[in-house]
C-alpha atoms as a PDB file:
ATOM      1  CA  UNK A   1      18.454  -3.832 -37.061  1.00  0.00           C
ATOM      2  CA  UNK A   2      20.080  -4.133 -40.520  1.00  0.00           C
ATOM      3  CA  UNK A   3      19.313  -0.164 -41.805  1.00  0.00           C
ATOM      4  CA  UNK A   4      20.800   1.062 -39.001  1.00  0.00           C
ATOM      5  CA  UNK A   5      23.520  -1.048 -38.503  1.00  0.00           C
ATOM      6  CA  UNK A   6      24.821   0.089 -42.217  1.00  0.00           C
ATOM      7  CA  UNK A   7      24.114   3.079 -41.989  1.00  0.00           C
ATOM      8  CA  UNK A   8      26.582   3.109 -39.283  1.00  0.00           C
ATOM      9  CA  UNK A   9      29.238   2.051 -41.176  1.00  0.00           C
ATOM     10  CA  UNK A  10      29.365   5.567 -42.276  1.00  0.00           C
ATOM     11  CA  UNK A  11      30.497   6.304 -38.849  1.00  0.00           C
ATOM     12  CA  UNK A  12      33.398   3.997 -38.837  1.00  0.00           C
ATOM     13  CA  UNK A  13      36.875   5.321 -38.741  1.00  0.00           C
ATOM     14  CA  UNK A  14      39.041   2.872 -40.739  1.00  0.00           C
ATOM     15  CA  UNK A  15      41.809   4.371 -42.823  1.00  0.00           C
ATOM     16  CA  UNK A  16      44.532   1.173 -42.953  1.00  0.00           C
ATOM     17  CA  UNK A  17      41.804  -1.452 -43.601  1.00  0.00           C
ATOM     18  CA  UNK A  18      38.940  -0.065 -44.591  1.00  0.00           C
ATOM     19  CA  UNK A  19      36.570  -2.468 -43.636  1.00  0.00           C
ATOM     20  CA  UNK A  20      33.781  -0.778 -41.748  1.00  0.00           C
ATOM     21  CA  UNK A  21      32.452  -2.778 -38.843  1.00  0.00           C
ATOM     22  CA  UNK A  22      29.219  -1.568 -37.292  1.00  0.00           C
ATOM     23  CA  UNK A  23      27.546  -3.186 -33.303  1.00  0.00           C
ATOM     24  CA  UNK A  24      23.872  -2.433 -31.277  1.00  0.00           C
ATOM     25  CA  UNK A  25      24.244  -4.615 -27.766  1.00  0.00           C
ATOM     26  CA  UNK A  26      20.399  -4.536 -26.625  1.00  0.00           C
ATOM     27  CA  UNK A  27      19.747  -4.400 -23.025  1.00  0.00           C
ATOM     28  CA  UNK A  28      17.288  -6.549 -21.154  1.00  0.00           C
ATOM     29  CA  UNK A  29      15.231  -3.559 -20.389  1.00  0.00           C
ATOM     30  CA  UNK A  30      15.121  -2.543 -24.579  1.00  0.00           C
ATOM     31  CA  UNK A  31      17.821  -0.059 -24.403  1.00  0.00           C
ATOM     32  CA  UNK A  32      20.447  -0.450 -27.509  1.00  0.00           C
ATOM     33  CA  UNK A  33      23.813   1.114 -27.457  1.00  0.00           C
ATOM     34  CA  UNK A  34      25.580   1.213 -31.002  1.00  0.00           C
ATOM     35  CA  UNK A  35      29.072   1.306 -31.950  1.00  0.00           C
ATOM     36  CA  UNK A  36      31.734   1.209 -35.172  1.00  0.00           C
ATOM     37  CA  UNK A  37      35.063   0.159 -35.107  1.00  0.00           C
ATOM     38  CA  UNK A  38      37.569   2.659 -35.143  1.00  0.00           C
ATOM     39  CA  UNK A  39      41.291   1.851 -36.260  1.00  0.00           C
ATOM     40  CA  UNK A  40      44.704   3.737 -36.461  1.00  0.00           C
ATOM     41  CA  UNK A  41      47.947   3.765 -38.326  1.00  0.00           C
ATOM     42  CA  UNK A  42      49.103   1.053 -36.405  1.00  0.00           C
ATOM     43  CA  UNK A  43      46.081  -0.963 -36.230  1.00  0.00           C
ATOM     44  CA  UNK A  44      46.778  -2.252 -32.661  1.00  0.00           C
ATOM     45  CA  UNK A  45      45.345   1.173 -30.721  1.00  0.00           C
ATOM     46  CA  UNK A  46      41.838   0.578 -31.775  1.00  0.00           C
ATOM     47  CA  UNK A  47      38.887  -0.920 -31.023  1.00  0.00           C
ATOM     48  CA  UNK A  48      36.309  -3.257 -32.667  1.00  0.00           C
ATOM     49  CA  UNK A  49      32.824  -2.194 -33.114  1.00  0.00           C
ATOM     50  CA  UNK A  50      30.984  -4.752 -30.694  1.00  0.00           C
ATOM     51  CA  UNK A  51      33.709  -3.469 -28.058  1.00  0.00           C
ATOM     52  CA  UNK A  52      32.553  -0.256 -28.195  1.00  0.00           C
ATOM     53  CA  UNK A  53      28.910  -1.027 -27.931  1.00  0.00           C
ATOM     54  CA  UNK A  54      29.544  -2.587 -24.973  1.00  0.00           C
ATOM     55  CA  UNK A  55      31.676   0.317 -23.213  1.00  0.00           C
ATOM     56  CA  UNK A  56      29.086   2.453 -24.512  1.00  0.00           C
ATOM     57  CA  UNK A  57      26.446   0.472 -22.555  1.00  0.00           C
ATOM     58  CA  UNK A  58      28.566   0.125 -18.897  1.00  0.00           C
ATOM     59  CA  UNK A  59      29.784   3.457 -19.662  1.00  0.00           C
ATOM     60  CA  UNK A  60      25.970   4.223 -18.605  1.00  0.00           C
ATOM     61  CA  UNK A  61      25.532   1.922 -15.802  1.00  0.00           C
ATOM     62  CA  UNK A  62      24.953  -1.542 -17.065  1.00  0.00           C
ATOM     63  CA  UNK A  63      26.283  -4.307 -15.495  1.00  0.00           C
ATOM     64  CA  UNK A  64      26.981  -7.862 -16.353  1.00  0.00           C
ATOM     65  CA  UNK A  65      23.729  -9.963 -17.204  1.00  0.00           C
ATOM     66  CA  UNK A  66      21.706  -6.567 -18.232  1.00  0.00           C
ATOM     67  CA  UNK A  67      23.025  -7.625 -21.549  1.00  0.00           C
ATOM     68  CA  UNK A  68      20.093  -9.396 -24.205  1.00  0.00           C
ATOM     69  CA  UNK A  69      21.321  -9.506 -27.533  1.00  0.00           C
ATOM     70  CA  UNK A  70      24.452  -7.792 -29.510  1.00  0.00           C
ATOM     71  CA  UNK A  71      24.276  -7.444 -33.766  1.00  0.00           C
ATOM     72  CA  UNK A  72      27.399  -7.041 -35.902  1.00  0.00           C
ATOM     73  CA  UNK A  73      27.582  -6.137 -39.348  1.00  0.00           C
ATOM     74  CA  UNK A  74      30.819  -6.767 -41.550  1.00  0.00           C
ATOM     75  CA  UNK A  75      31.448  -4.333 -44.656  1.00  0.00           C
ATOM     76  CA  UNK A  76      32.648  -7.294 -46.842  1.00  0.00           C
ATOM     77  CA  UNK A  77      29.226  -8.356 -48.067  1.00  0.00           C
ATOM     78  CA  UNK A  78      29.645 -11.565 -46.142  1.00  0.00           C
ATOM     79  CA  UNK A  79      28.400 -12.683 -42.914  1.00  0.00           C
ATOM     80  CA  UNK A  80      30.547 -11.651 -40.278  1.00  0.00           C
ATOM     81  CA  UNK A  81      32.001 -12.961 -37.139  1.00  0.00           C
ATOM     82  CA  UNK A  82      32.923 -11.281 -33.622  1.00  0.00           C
ATOM     83  CA  UNK A  83      36.724 -11.551 -33.088  1.00  0.00           C
ATOM     84  CA  UNK A  84      38.129 -14.288 -30.420  1.00  0.00           C
ATOM     85  CA  UNK A  85      38.820 -10.427 -28.342  1.00  0.00           C
ATOM     86  CA  UNK A  86      35.062  -9.070 -28.701  1.00  0.00           C
ATOM     87  CA  UNK A  87      34.161 -13.247 -27.912  1.00  0.00           C
ATOM     88  CA  UNK A  88      35.819 -13.045 -24.733  1.00  0.00           C
ATOM     89  CA  UNK A  89      34.129  -9.725 -23.279  1.00  0.00           C
ATOM     90  CA  UNK A  90      30.584 -11.147 -24.824  1.00  0.00           C
ATOM     91  CA  UNK A  91      31.300 -14.426 -22.701  1.00  0.00           C
ATOM     92  CA  UNK A  92      32.317 -12.343 -19.353  1.00  0.00           C
ATOM     93  CA  UNK A  93      29.063 -10.115 -19.772  1.00  0.00           C
ATOM     94  CA  UNK A  94      26.148 -11.695 -21.255  1.00  0.00           C
ATOM     95  CA  UNK A  95      24.331 -14.769 -19.962  1.00  0.00           C
ATOM     96  CA  UNK A  96      24.888 -17.683 -22.002  1.00  0.00           C
ATOM     97  CA  UNK A  97      21.859 -18.372 -23.586  1.00  0.00           C
ATOM     98  CA  UNK A  98      22.000 -14.573 -24.764  1.00  0.00           C
ATOM     99  CA  UNK A  99      21.479 -14.205 -28.788  1.00  0.00           C
ATOM    100  CA  UNK A 100      24.919 -13.451 -30.998  1.00  0.00           C
ATOM    101  CA  UNK A 101      22.812 -11.951 -34.187  1.00  0.00           C
ATOM    102  CA  UNK A 102      25.756 -11.481 -37.678  1.00  0.00           C
ATOM    103  CA  UNK A 103      24.600  -9.434 -40.219  1.00  0.00           C
ATOM    104  CA  UNK A 104      26.324  -9.467 -43.786  1.00  0.00           C
ATOM    105  CA  UNK A 105      25.473  -6.205 -45.591  1.00  0.00           C
ATOM    106  CA  UNK A 106      22.823  -7.578 -47.809  1.00  0.00           C
ATOM    107  CA  UNK A 107      20.792  -8.432 -44.565  1.00  0.00           C
ATOM    108  CA  UNK A 108      20.969 -11.798 -44.423  1.00  0.00           C
ATOM    109  CA  UNK A 109      22.073 -13.174 -40.910  1.00  0.00           C
ATOM    110  CA  UNK A 110      23.010 -16.255 -38.757  1.00  0.00           C
ATOM    111  CA  UNK A 111      22.125 -15.957 -35.140  1.00  0.00           C
ATOM    112  CA  UNK A 112      23.796 -18.051 -32.093  1.00  0.00           C
ATOM    113  CA  UNK A 113      24.062 -17.716 -28.574  1.00  0.00           C
ATOM    114  CA  UNK A 114      27.038 -16.996 -26.583  1.00  0.00           C
ATOM    115  CA  UNK A 115      27.381 -20.322 -25.360  1.00  0.00           C
ATOM    116  CA  UNK A 116      27.519 -21.639 -29.293  1.00  0.00           C
ATOM    117  CA  UNK A 117      30.294 -18.808 -30.184  1.00  0.00           C
ATOM    118  CA  UNK A 118      32.339 -19.484 -26.970  1.00  0.00           C
ATOM    119  CA  UNK A 119      31.664 -22.933 -26.134  1.00  0.00           C
ATOM    120  CA  UNK A 120      34.991 -22.558 -23.425  1.00  0.00           C
ATOM    121  CA  UNK A 121      35.115 -19.546 -21.756  1.00  0.00           C
ATOM    122  CA  UNK A 122      37.521 -17.883 -19.677  1.00  0.00           C
ATOM    123  CA  UNK A 123      36.495 -16.301 -17.127  1.00  0.00           C
ATOM    124  CA  UNK A 124      36.349 -14.881 -12.984  1.00  0.00           C
ATOM    125  CA  UNK A 125      36.361 -18.527 -12.135  1.00  0.00           C
ATOM    126  CA  UNK A 126      39.459 -19.775 -13.463  1.00  0.00           C
ATOM    127  CA  UNK A 127      41.256 -16.554 -11.966  1.00  0.00           C
ATOM    128  CA  UNK A 128      40.269 -18.170  -8.275  1.00  0.00           C
END
């Protein structure tokens, strides 16, 4: 997974931050979807790699509960974490025991469950 994520950094569009991020979500059926971060000059209209990968899966027909894991790599050389906007999306679509694997460019990673990253999620039940 590390090599594919590192390769995907080349596809990021980051003219302002110069901070490539890549992601891969894996469904329970083994199918993989990839994403990179895309930003614009205002830095507000872009999107994160994790959400790009999730949106690709949903566009292809994936549903809530179909997701097995998400893998993310940032370009800083450190182990990176999903932002809180991405954590919201992950907490809504992934099971609480799904894996979130956060990589550094050298291949080091830390692994968390969705429950560990999002201990107090806001979800559908909060809207009722």
